[in-house]
Amino acid sequence: MKINLPTITAVLFLSAGLPGISAPATTPPASQTDELNKTCPISGRPANSSITSVYEGTKYAFADEACRTKFIDLRANSLYQKLGGKPAVDAAVESFYKKVLADIRIKHFFDDVNMDKQRRKQKEFLSAAFGGPTAYVGKDMRRAHANIPGLNESHFNAVAENLQKTLEELKLSKELIDQVMAIAASTKDDVLNRKPAAK
């Protein structure tokens, strides 16, 4: 059976923010606060409670109709949506961490990590990084990995291999896998705490 769920984990060890990738700033959606957001997730201006849209079961309010239209367009054209949205991110993260925790090359990095919290943060991060509706507010990639002793390129490559296997098992198209892997590769300098290459 082909599962079109999927995703990513360009976020290798500890969730963080990818450079150059951002989601619109948002206030927590209604499902998290029991009320509509007060700030427009597109413009940052006060939201009008009569201008709304529902995405993945959450109702969002917008400053004006143009912001609502932009939000809908961003969702429809996002990598997040193409991958399958929240169910896809959830499935991919669960599958990915099963592989990582079984991989003798890297599993020791997670010995003292609360994996329930890690999975949750990873799902939040990936949702934002791939164009989901809520911004990620955790540590940036460089700070998240700064104090991991012995972390090197072979570990980064092991994580990338597990990511690739996860995406292939979830039957993603080569085009989507290539997009995800390119984003994963773009995190290498930050994950390994290297100076960015000169341009």
C-alpha atoms as a PDB file:
ATOM      1  CA  MET A   1       0.000   0.000   0.000  1.00  0.00           C
ATOM      2  CA  LYS A   2       1.396   3.376  -0.945  1.00  0.00           C
ATOM      3  CA  ILE A   3       1.391   5.778   1.969  1.00  0.00           C
ATOM      4  CA  ASN A   4       1.573   9.375   0.908  1.00  0.00           C
ATOM      5  CA  LEU A   5       2.461  10.505   4.393  1.00  0.00           C
ATOM      6  CA  PRO A   6       5.879  11.491   4.955  1.00  0.00           C
ATOM      7  CA  THR A   7       8.396  13.791   5.713  1.00  0.00           C
ATOM      8  CA  ILE A   8      11.368  15.078   6.938  1.00  0.00           C
ATOM      9  CA  THR A   9      13.833  15.517   9.439  1.00  0.00           C
ATOM     10  CA  ALA A  10      16.268  17.919   8.256  1.00  0.00           C
ATOM     11  CA  VAL A  11      16.398  18.549  11.888  1.00  0.00           C
ATOM     12  CA  LEU A  12      18.850  16.084  12.793  1.00  0.00           C
ATOM     13  CA  PHE A  13      19.483  15.691  16.459  1.00  0.00           C
ATOM     14  CA  LEU A  14      17.762  18.394  18.469  1.00  0.00           C
ATOM     15  CA  SER A  15      15.003  20.501  16.989  1.00  0.00           C
ATOM     16  CA  ALA A  16      15.926  23.988  15.949  1.00  0.00           C
ATOM     17  CA  GLY A  17      15.390  26.612  13.259  1.00  0.00           C
ATOM     18  CA  LEU A  18      16.676  26.259   9.734  1.00  0.00           C
ATOM     19  CA  PRO A  19      18.464  29.274   8.350  1.00  0.00           C
ATOM     20  CA  GLY A  20      16.597  30.855   5.495  1.00  0.00           C
ATOM     21  CA  ILE A  21      13.357  28.994   6.169  1.00  0.00           C
ATOM     22  CA  SER A  22      10.627  30.622   8.153  1.00  0.00           C
ATOM     23  CA  ALA A  23       6.925  30.349   8.672  1.00  0.00           C
ATOM     24  CA  PRO A  24       4.719  33.382   9.097  1.00  0.00           C
ATOM     25  CA  ALA A  25       4.770  34.663  12.661  1.00  0.00           C
ATOM     26  CA  THR A  26       1.662  33.529  14.498  1.00  0.00           C
ATOM     27  CA  THR A  27      -0.021  33.578  17.800  1.00  0.00           C
ATOM     28  CA  PRO A  28      -1.105  30.145  19.024  1.00  0.00           C
ATOM     29  CA  PRO A  29      -4.070  28.918  16.973  1.00  0.00           C
ATOM     30  CA  ALA A  30      -7.513  28.566  18.500  1.00  0.00           C
ATOM     31  CA  SER A  31      -7.115  24.854  19.175  1.00  0.00           C
ATOM     32  CA  GLN A  32      -4.244  25.675  21.544  1.00  0.00           C
ATOM     33  CA  THR A  33      -5.873  28.610  23.362  1.00  0.00           C
ATOM     34  CA  ASP A  34      -9.640  27.950  23.137  1.00  0.00           C
ATOM     35  CA  GLU A  35     -10.063  31.286  21.372  1.00  0.00           C
ATOM     36  CA  LEU A  36      -9.237  32.822  18.034  1.00  0.00           C
ATOM     37  CA  ASN A  37      -5.796  34.272  17.479  1.00  0.00           C
ATOM     38  CA  LYS A  38      -5.630  38.019  18.121  1.00  0.00           C
ATOM     39  CA  THR A  39      -2.786  38.677  15.681  1.00  0.00           C
ATOM     40  CA  CYS A  40      -2.956  37.991  11.954  1.00  0.00           C
ATOM     41  CA  PRO A  41      -0.506  35.177  11.077  1.00  0.00           C
ATOM     42  CA  ILE A  42       0.329  36.889   7.790  1.00  0.00           C
ATOM     43  CA  SER A  43       0.604  40.600   8.536  1.00  0.00           C
ATOM     44  CA  GLY A  44       1.152  40.676  12.293  1.00  0.00           C
ATOM     45  CA  ARG A  45      -1.639  43.254  12.572  1.00  0.00           C
ATOM     46  CA  PRO A  46      -4.689  42.773  14.820  1.00  0.00           C
ATOM     47  CA  ALA A  47      -6.906  39.968  13.512  1.00  0.00           C
ATOM     48  CA  ASN A  48     -10.545  40.502  12.575  1.00  0.00           C
ATOM     49  CA  SER A  49     -12.630  37.687  14.073  1.00  0.00           C
ATOM     50  CA  SER A  50     -15.049  37.819  11.135  1.00  0.00           C
ATOM     51  CA  ILE A  51     -12.329  36.976   8.575  1.00  0.00           C
ATOM     52  CA  THR A  52     -11.314  33.369   9.195  1.00  0.00           C
ATOM     53  CA  SER A  53     -10.147  30.145   7.605  1.00  0.00           C
ATOM     54  CA  VAL A  54      -9.886  26.617   8.989  1.00  0.00           C
ATOM     55  CA  TYR A  55      -6.738  24.595   8.332  1.00  0.00           C
ATOM     56  CA  GLU A  56      -6.119  21.143   9.809  1.00  0.00           C
ATOM     57  CA  GLY A  57      -9.006  21.606  12.218  1.00  0.00           C
ATOM     58  CA  THR A  58      -7.809  24.960  13.564  1.00  0.00           C
ATOM     59  CA  LYS A  59      -9.602  28.217  12.884  1.00  0.00           C
ATOM     60  CA  TYR A  60      -7.379  31.226  12.133  1.00  0.00           C
ATOM     61  CA  ALA A  61      -8.418  34.898  12.032  1.00  0.00           C
ATOM     62  CA  PHE A  62      -6.839  37.474   9.685  1.00  0.00           C
ATOM     63  CA  ALA A  63      -6.450  41.249   9.451  1.00  0.00           C
ATOM     64  CA  ASP A  64      -8.179  41.399   6.076  1.00  0.00           C
ATOM     65  CA  GLU A  65      -9.321  39.306   3.136  1.00  0.00           C
ATOM     66  CA  ALA A  66      -5.970  39.656   1.334  1.00  0.00           C
ATOM     67  CA  CYS A  67      -4.177  38.095   4.321  1.00  0.00           C
ATOM     68  CA  ARG A  68      -6.684  35.252   4.442  1.00  0.00           C
ATOM     69  CA  THR A  69      -6.172  34.584   0.724  1.00  0.00           C
ATOM     70  CA  LYS A  70      -2.396  34.661   1.122  1.00  0.00           C
ATOM     71  CA  PHE A  71      -2.586  32.213   4.058  1.00  0.00           C
ATOM     72  CA  ILE A  72      -4.694  29.787   2.011  1.00  0.00           C
ATOM     73  CA  ASP A  73      -2.316  30.070  -0.968  1.00  0.00           C
ATOM     74  CA  LEU A  74       0.759  29.566   1.219  1.00  0.00           C
ATOM     75  CA  ARG A  75      -0.760  26.441   2.755  1.00  0.00           C
ATOM     76  CA  ALA A  76      -1.787  24.982  -0.597  1.00  0.00           C
ATOM     77  CA  ASN A  77       1.623  25.564  -2.181  1.00  0.00           C
ATOM     78  CA  SER A  78       3.796  24.612   0.792  1.00  0.00           C
ATOM     79  CA  LEU A  79       6.127  21.639   0.924  1.00  0.00           C
ATOM     80  CA  TYR A  80       4.308  20.810   4.175  1.00  0.00           C
ATOM     81  CA  GLN A  81       1.017  20.351   2.302  1.00  0.00           C
ATOM     82  CA  LYS A  82       2.641  18.482  -0.594  1.00  0.00           C
ATOM     83  CA  LEU A  83       4.140  16.040   1.893  1.00  0.00           C
ATOM     84  CA  GLY A  84       0.751  15.403   3.470  1.00  0.00           C
ATOM     85  CA  GLY A  85       0.447  17.925   6.311  1.00  0.00           C
ATOM     86  CA  LYS A  86       0.338  17.040  10.004  1.00  0.00           C
ATOM     87  CA  PRO A  87      -0.351  13.299   9.574  1.00  0.00           C
ATOM     88  CA  ALA A  88       2.641  13.058   7.257  1.00  0.00           C
ATOM     89  CA  VAL A  89       4.993  14.926   9.573  1.00  0.00           C
ATOM     90  CA  ASP A  90       3.841  12.808  12.521  1.00  0.00           C
ATOM     91  CA  ALA A  91       4.346   9.539  10.627  1.00  0.00           C
ATOM     92  CA  ALA A  92       7.750  10.534   9.304  1.00  0.00           C
ATOM     93  CA  VAL A  93       9.104  11.681  12.662  1.00  0.00           C
ATOM     94  CA  GLU A  94       7.952   8.473  14.371  1.00  0.00           C
ATOM     95  CA  SER A  95       9.513   6.293  11.674  1.00  0.00           C
ATOM     96  CA  PHE A  96      12.690   8.362  11.542  1.00  0.00           C
ATOM     97  CA  TYR A  97      13.379   8.139  15.270  1.00  0.00           C
ATOM     98  CA  LYS A  98      12.835   4.371  15.276  1.00  0.00           C
ATOM     99  CA  LYS A  99      15.660   4.155  12.765  1.00  0.00           C
ATOM    100  CA  VAL A 100      17.885   6.640  14.587  1.00  0.00           C
ATOM    101  CA  LEU A 101      17.463   4.893  17.959  1.00  0.00           C
ATOM    102  CA  ALA A 102      18.382   1.569  16.355  1.00  0.00           C
ATOM    103  CA  ASP A 103      21.461   2.962  14.565  1.00  0.00           C
ATOM    104  CA  ILE A 104      24.605   2.159  16.580  1.00  0.00           C
ATOM    105  CA  ARG A 105      26.448   5.049  14.933  1.00  0.00           C
ATOM    106  CA  ILE A 106      24.198   7.721  16.471  1.00  0.00           C
ATOM    107  CA  LYS A 107      21.786   6.280  19.047  1.00  0.00           C
ATOM    108  CA  HIS A 108      24.114   7.206  21.937  1.00  0.00           C
ATOM    109  CA  PHE A 109      23.404  10.905  21.300  1.00  0.00           C
ATOM    110  CA  PHE A 110      19.885  10.262  22.593  1.00  0.00           C
ATOM    111  CA  ASP A 111      20.709   8.323  25.764  1.00  0.00           C
ATOM    112  CA  ASP A 112      19.690  11.196  28.044  1.00  0.00           C
ATOM    113  CA  VAL A 113      17.047  12.760  25.796  1.00  0.00           C
ATOM    114  CA  ASN A 114      13.344  12.729  26.657  1.00  0.00           C
ATOM    115  CA  MET A 115      12.182  11.191  23.383  1.00  0.00           C
ATOM    116  CA  ASP A 116       8.510  12.130  23.807  1.00  0.00           C
ATOM    117  CA  LYS A 117       9.558  15.769  24.080  1.00  0.00           C
ATOM    118  CA  GLN A 118      12.093  15.331  21.272  1.00  0.00           C
ATOM    119  CA  ARG A 119       9.470  13.920  18.888  1.00  0.00           C
ATOM    120  CA  ARG A 120       7.011  16.690  19.759  1.00  0.00           C
ATOM    121  CA  LYS A 121       9.619  19.424  19.193  1.00  0.00           C
ATOM    122  CA  GLN A 122      10.721  17.785  15.969  1.00  0.00           C
ATOM    123  CA  LYS A 123       7.153  17.693  14.664  1.00  0.00           C
ATOM    124  CA  GLU A 124       6.656  21.369  15.551  1.00  0.00           C
ATOM    125  CA  PHE A 125       9.942  22.332  13.938  1.00  0.00           C
ATOM    126  CA  LEU A 126       9.331  20.419  10.731  1.00  0.00           C
ATOM    127  CA  SER A 127       5.801  21.722  10.384  1.00  0.00           C
ATOM    128  CA  ALA A 128       7.106  25.300  10.492  1.00  0.00           C
ATOM    129  CA  ALA A 129      10.198  24.633   8.390  1.00  0.00           C
ATOM    130  CA  PHE A 130       8.133  23.171   5.582  1.00  0.00           C
ATOM    131  CA  GLY A 131       5.498  25.891   5.504  1.00  0.00           C
ATOM    132  CA  GLY A 132       2.966  24.783   8.103  1.00  0.00           C
ATOM    133  CA  PRO A 133       0.741  27.396   9.719  1.00  0.00           C
ATOM    134  CA  THR A 134       2.492  27.852  13.077  1.00  0.00           C
ATOM    135  CA  ALA A 135       5.939  29.336  13.619  1.00  0.00           C
ATOM    136  CA  TYR A 136       8.597  27.321  15.451  1.00  0.00           C
ATOM    137  CA  VAL A 137       9.885  29.012  18.608  1.00  0.00           C
ATOM    138  CA  GLY A 138      12.648  26.622  19.765  1.00  0.00           C
ATOM    139  CA  LYS A 139      16.444  26.944  19.687  1.00  0.00           C
ATOM    140  CA  ASP A 140      18.220  27.647  16.439  1.00  0.00           C
ATOM    141  CA  MET A 141      20.170  24.792  14.863  1.00  0.00           C
ATOM    142  CA  ARG A 142      23.620  26.002  15.871  1.00  0.00           C
ATOM    143  CA  ARG A 143      22.760  26.540  19.559  1.00  0.00           C
ATOM    144  CA  ALA A 144      20.859  23.252  19.763  1.00  0.00           C
ATOM    145  CA  HIS A 145      23.919  21.287  18.665  1.00  0.00           C
ATOM    146  CA  ALA A 146      26.695  23.432  20.167  1.00  0.00           C
ATOM    147  CA  ASN A 147      27.421  21.271  23.210  1.00  0.00           C
ATOM    148  CA  ILE A 148      27.157  17.771  21.784  1.00  0.00           C
ATOM    149  CA  PRO A 149      30.560  16.167  22.352  1.00  0.00           C
ATOM    150  CA  GLY A 150      32.115  14.287  19.455  1.00  0.00           C
ATOM    151  CA  LEU A 151      29.464  15.220  16.896  1.00  0.00           C
ATOM    152  CA  ASN A 152      31.033  15.033  13.433  1.00  0.00           C
ATOM    153  CA  GLU A 153      30.285  14.650   9.742  1.00  0.00           C
ATOM    154  CA  SER A 154      29.923  10.861   9.936  1.00  0.00           C
ATOM    155  CA  HIS A 155      27.099  11.347  12.442  1.00  0.00           C
ATOM    156  CA  PHE A 156      25.456  13.961  10.251  1.00  0.00           C
ATOM    157  CA  ASN A 157      25.663  11.540   7.301  1.00  0.00           C
ATOM    158  CA  ALA A 158      24.158   8.706   9.377  1.00  0.00           C
ATOM    159  CA  VAL A 159      21.197  10.899  10.248  1.00  0.00           C
ATOM    160  CA  ALA A 160      20.787  11.881   6.595  1.00  0.00           C
ATOM    161  CA  GLU A 161      20.832   8.200   5.575  1.00  0.00           C
ATOM    162  CA  ASN A 162      18.069   7.430   8.060  1.00  0.00           C
ATOM    163  CA  LEU A 163      16.096  10.393   6.806  1.00  0.00           C
ATOM    164  CA  GLN A 164      16.440   9.257   3.194  1.00  0.00           C
ATOM    165  CA  LYS A 165      15.327   5.709   4.098  1.00  0.00           C
ATOM    166  CA  THR A 166      12.313   7.071   5.969  1.00  0.00           C
ATOM    167  CA  LEU A 167      11.205   9.175   3.013  1.00  0.00           C
ATOM    168  CA  GLU A 168      11.694   6.310   0.553  1.00  0.00           C
ATOM    169  CA  GLU A 169       9.695   3.906   2.768  1.00  0.00           C
ATOM    170  CA  LEU A 170       6.884   6.441   2.880  1.00  0.00           C
ATOM    171  CA  LYS A 171       6.793   6.329  -0.926  1.00  0.00           C
ATOM    172  CA  LEU A 172       7.476   9.990  -1.551  1.00  0.00           C
ATOM    173  CA  SER A 173       8.261  11.108  -5.057  1.00  0.00           C
ATOM    174  CA  LYS A 174      11.923  11.620  -5.919  1.00  0.00           C
ATOM    175  CA  GLU A 175      11.232  15.337  -6.390  1.00  0.00           C
ATOM    176  CA  LEU A 176       9.922  15.735  -2.830  1.00  0.00           C
ATOM    177  CA  ILE A 177      12.709  13.609  -1.374  1.00  0.00           C
ATOM    178  CA  ASP A 178      15.268  15.759  -3.193  1.00  0.00           C
ATOM    179  CA  GLN A 179      13.703  18.938  -1.750  1.00  0.00           C
ATOM    180  CA  VAL A 180      13.792  17.551   1.781  1.00  0.00           C
ATOM    181  CA  MET A 181      17.350  16.269   1.451  1.00  0.00           C
ATOM    182  CA  ALA A 182      18.528  19.625   0.081  1.00  0.00           C
ATOM    183  CA  ILE A 183      17.118  21.335   3.159  1.00  0.00           C
ATOM    184  CA  ALA A 184      18.759  18.732   5.393  1.00  0.00           C
ATOM    185  CA  ALA A 185      22.111  19.288   3.670  1.00  0.00           C
ATOM    186  CA  SER A 186      21.787  23.044   4.158  1.00  0.00           C
ATOM    187  CA  THR A 187      21.900  22.546   7.944  1.00  0.00           C
ATOM    188  CA  LYS A 188      25.312  20.830   8.026  1.00  0.00           C
ATOM    189  CA  ASP A 189      27.458  23.850   8.960  1.00  0.00           C
ATOM    190  CA  ASP A 190      25.120  24.818  11.794  1.00  0.00           C
ATOM    191  CA  VAL A 191      24.708  21.270  13.123  1.00  0.00           C
ATOM    192  CA  LEU A 192      28.464  20.718  13.097  1.00  0.00           C
ATOM    193  CA  ASN A 193      29.104  24.246  14.415  1.00  0.00           C
ATOM    194  CA  ARG A 194      31.266  25.207  11.438  1.00  0.00           C
ATOM    195  CA  LYS A 195      31.751  28.621   9.966  1.00  0.00           C
ATOM    196  CA  PRO A 196      29.546  29.038   6.900  1.00  0.00           C
ATOM    197  CA  ALA A 197      31.377  28.647   3.593  1.00  0.00           C
ATOM    198  CA  ALA A 198      32.473  31.924   2.031  1.00  0.00           C
ATOM    199  CA  LYS A 199      30.281  33.043  -0.853  1.00  0.00           C
END
